N, C-alpha and C. Protein backbone atom coordinates (compact mmCIF):
# COMPACT_ATOMS: atom_id res chain seq x y z
N MET A 1 28.25 20.25 -2.73
CA MET A 1 27.78 20.69 -4.05
C MET A 1 28.72 21.76 -4.58
N ASP A 2 29.04 21.64 -5.84
CA ASP A 2 29.79 22.70 -6.50
C ASP A 2 28.92 23.94 -6.56
N ASP A 3 29.53 25.07 -6.83
CA ASP A 3 28.77 26.31 -6.90
C ASP A 3 28.06 26.47 -8.23
N LEU A 4 26.84 26.98 -8.15
CA LEU A 4 26.09 27.34 -9.34
C LEU A 4 26.55 28.72 -9.80
N ARG A 5 26.54 28.94 -11.07
CA ARG A 5 26.85 30.26 -11.61
C ARG A 5 25.62 31.16 -11.41
N ILE A 6 25.82 32.32 -10.81
CA ILE A 6 24.74 33.27 -10.57
C ILE A 6 25.18 34.62 -11.12
N GLU A 7 24.45 35.12 -12.09
CA GLU A 7 24.78 36.38 -12.75
C GLU A 7 23.61 37.35 -12.63
N PRO A 8 23.85 38.64 -12.79
CA PRO A 8 22.76 39.62 -12.77
C PRO A 8 21.74 39.34 -13.88
N CYS A 9 20.47 39.39 -13.53
CA CYS A 9 19.40 39.13 -14.49
C CYS A 9 19.30 40.26 -15.50
N ARG A 10 19.06 39.89 -16.75
CA ARG A 10 18.87 40.86 -17.83
C ARG A 10 17.41 40.96 -18.25
N SER A 11 16.55 40.22 -17.56
CA SER A 11 15.11 40.14 -17.88
C SER A 11 14.86 39.65 -19.30
N GLU A 12 15.76 38.79 -19.78
CA GLU A 12 15.64 38.15 -21.11
C GLU A 12 15.79 36.64 -20.96
N CYS A 13 15.29 36.09 -19.87
CA CYS A 13 15.52 34.70 -19.49
C CYS A 13 15.02 33.69 -20.52
N THR A 14 15.85 32.71 -20.77
CA THR A 14 15.51 31.56 -21.61
C THR A 14 16.19 30.34 -20.99
N TRP A 15 15.49 29.66 -20.08
CA TRP A 15 16.05 28.53 -19.35
C TRP A 15 15.97 27.25 -20.16
N ARG A 16 17.09 26.52 -20.23
CA ARG A 16 17.17 25.27 -20.98
C ARG A 16 18.08 24.29 -20.26
N ALA A 17 17.83 23.01 -20.47
CA ALA A 17 18.70 21.97 -19.93
C ALA A 17 20.04 22.03 -20.66
N THR A 18 21.11 21.74 -19.93
CA THR A 18 22.43 21.63 -20.55
C THR A 18 22.77 20.15 -20.65
N ASP A 19 23.89 19.83 -21.23
CA ASP A 19 24.34 18.45 -21.29
C ASP A 19 25.23 18.10 -20.10
N LYS A 20 25.20 18.93 -19.07
CA LYS A 20 26.04 18.75 -17.89
C LYS A 20 25.20 18.39 -16.68
N GLN A 21 25.90 17.84 -15.69
CA GLN A 21 25.29 17.58 -14.39
C GLN A 21 26.13 18.25 -13.32
N LEU A 22 25.48 18.56 -12.20
CA LEU A 22 26.16 19.13 -11.06
C LEU A 22 25.78 18.29 -9.86
N ASP A 23 26.75 17.58 -9.30
CA ASP A 23 26.51 16.69 -8.17
C ASP A 23 25.36 15.72 -8.45
N GLY A 24 25.34 15.17 -9.66
CA GLY A 24 24.35 14.17 -10.02
C GLY A 24 23.00 14.70 -10.46
N GLU A 25 22.85 16.00 -10.53
CA GLU A 25 21.58 16.60 -10.96
C GLU A 25 21.73 17.23 -12.34
N GLN A 26 20.65 17.19 -13.12
CA GLN A 26 20.62 17.88 -14.41
C GLN A 26 20.88 19.36 -14.18
N LEU A 27 21.77 19.94 -14.96
CA LEU A 27 22.09 21.36 -14.85
C LEU A 27 21.35 22.13 -15.94
N PHE A 28 20.67 23.19 -15.54
CA PHE A 28 19.97 24.08 -16.45
C PHE A 28 20.69 25.43 -16.45
N ALA A 29 20.60 26.16 -17.55
CA ALA A 29 21.24 27.47 -17.63
C ALA A 29 20.35 28.45 -18.37
N CYS A 30 20.46 29.70 -17.99
CA CYS A 30 19.75 30.78 -18.68
C CYS A 30 20.57 31.16 -19.91
N GLY A 31 19.93 31.18 -21.05
CA GLY A 31 20.62 31.53 -22.29
C GLY A 31 20.97 32.99 -22.40
N SER A 32 20.42 33.82 -21.53
CA SER A 32 20.70 35.24 -21.57
C SER A 32 21.88 35.61 -20.69
N CYS A 33 21.78 35.34 -19.40
CA CYS A 33 22.83 35.77 -18.47
C CYS A 33 23.81 34.67 -18.10
N GLY A 34 23.44 33.40 -18.32
CA GLY A 34 24.33 32.29 -17.99
C GLY A 34 24.18 31.75 -16.58
N SER A 35 23.22 32.27 -15.80
CA SER A 35 22.98 31.72 -14.46
C SER A 35 22.56 30.26 -14.59
N GLU A 36 22.82 29.49 -13.54
CA GLU A 36 22.52 28.07 -13.56
C GLU A 36 21.52 27.69 -12.47
N TRP A 37 20.87 26.54 -12.67
CA TRP A 37 19.88 26.03 -11.73
C TRP A 37 19.90 24.52 -11.77
N VAL A 38 19.67 23.89 -10.61
CA VAL A 38 19.45 22.45 -10.50
C VAL A 38 18.15 22.23 -9.75
N PRO A 39 17.47 21.10 -9.97
CA PRO A 39 16.16 20.87 -9.38
C PRO A 39 16.09 20.91 -7.86
N SER A 40 17.19 20.72 -7.16
CA SER A 40 17.15 20.76 -5.69
C SER A 40 17.06 22.19 -5.14
N GLN A 41 17.19 23.17 -6.01
CA GLN A 41 17.08 24.56 -5.57
C GLN A 41 15.63 24.84 -5.16
N PRO A 42 15.42 25.73 -4.17
CA PRO A 42 14.06 25.98 -3.68
C PRO A 42 13.21 26.86 -4.60
N TRP A 43 13.78 27.41 -5.65
CA TRP A 43 13.04 28.27 -6.57
C TRP A 43 12.95 27.58 -7.92
N THR A 44 12.04 28.04 -8.76
CA THR A 44 11.85 27.46 -10.09
C THR A 44 12.05 28.54 -11.14
N PRO A 45 12.96 28.32 -12.08
CA PRO A 45 13.21 29.33 -13.10
C PRO A 45 12.06 29.42 -14.11
N ALA A 46 11.84 30.62 -14.60
CA ALA A 46 10.84 30.87 -15.64
C ALA A 46 11.48 31.75 -16.71
N ASP A 47 11.00 31.60 -17.93
CA ASP A 47 11.48 32.44 -19.02
C ASP A 47 10.99 33.88 -18.82
N ALA A 48 11.48 34.78 -19.62
CA ALA A 48 11.13 36.20 -19.51
C ALA A 48 9.63 36.45 -19.63
N ASP A 49 8.92 35.55 -20.32
CA ASP A 49 7.47 35.71 -20.47
C ASP A 49 6.69 35.18 -19.26
N GLY A 50 7.41 34.69 -18.25
CA GLY A 50 6.78 34.19 -17.03
C GLY A 50 6.41 32.73 -17.07
N ILE A 51 6.63 32.07 -18.19
CA ILE A 51 6.27 30.66 -18.34
C ILE A 51 7.46 29.77 -17.96
N VAL A 52 7.19 28.74 -17.16
CA VAL A 52 8.21 27.77 -16.80
C VAL A 52 8.41 26.86 -18.02
N PRO A 53 9.64 26.76 -18.53
CA PRO A 53 9.89 25.91 -19.70
C PRO A 53 9.50 24.45 -19.44
N PRO A 54 9.03 23.74 -20.46
CA PRO A 54 8.58 22.36 -20.28
C PRO A 54 9.61 21.44 -19.64
N ASP A 55 10.90 21.54 -20.02
CA ASP A 55 11.90 20.65 -19.43
C ASP A 55 12.12 20.95 -17.95
N VAL A 56 12.00 22.19 -17.53
CA VAL A 56 12.08 22.56 -16.12
C VAL A 56 10.85 22.02 -15.39
N ALA A 57 9.68 22.20 -15.96
CA ALA A 57 8.43 21.72 -15.34
C ALA A 57 8.48 20.21 -15.16
N ARG A 58 9.02 19.49 -16.13
CA ARG A 58 9.10 18.02 -16.06
C ARG A 58 9.94 17.57 -14.86
N VAL A 59 11.12 18.17 -14.68
CA VAL A 59 11.96 17.74 -13.55
C VAL A 59 11.36 18.18 -12.22
N ARG A 60 10.64 19.28 -12.21
CA ARG A 60 9.97 19.73 -10.98
C ARG A 60 8.86 18.75 -10.60
N GLN A 61 8.24 18.14 -11.58
CA GLN A 61 7.16 17.17 -11.33
C GLN A 61 7.69 15.75 -11.16
N GLY A 62 9.00 15.60 -11.24
CA GLY A 62 9.62 14.30 -11.03
C GLY A 62 9.53 13.36 -12.20
N ARG A 63 9.38 13.90 -13.39
CA ARG A 63 9.26 13.04 -14.58
C ARG A 63 10.53 13.04 -15.38
């Protein structure tokens, strides 16, 4: 697996799907700090308000 971008959190998280893939997985990125996430990661990203964005929730549920 290529490396995910990991940046210091600014507590202004806005996670969204990108138009890119990483090793065959949908790549998501935080609009604030630029950190990245793929569904095989053991953690689930949430926006600054604590809510998991719908597109992240969908891939976590396998839809």
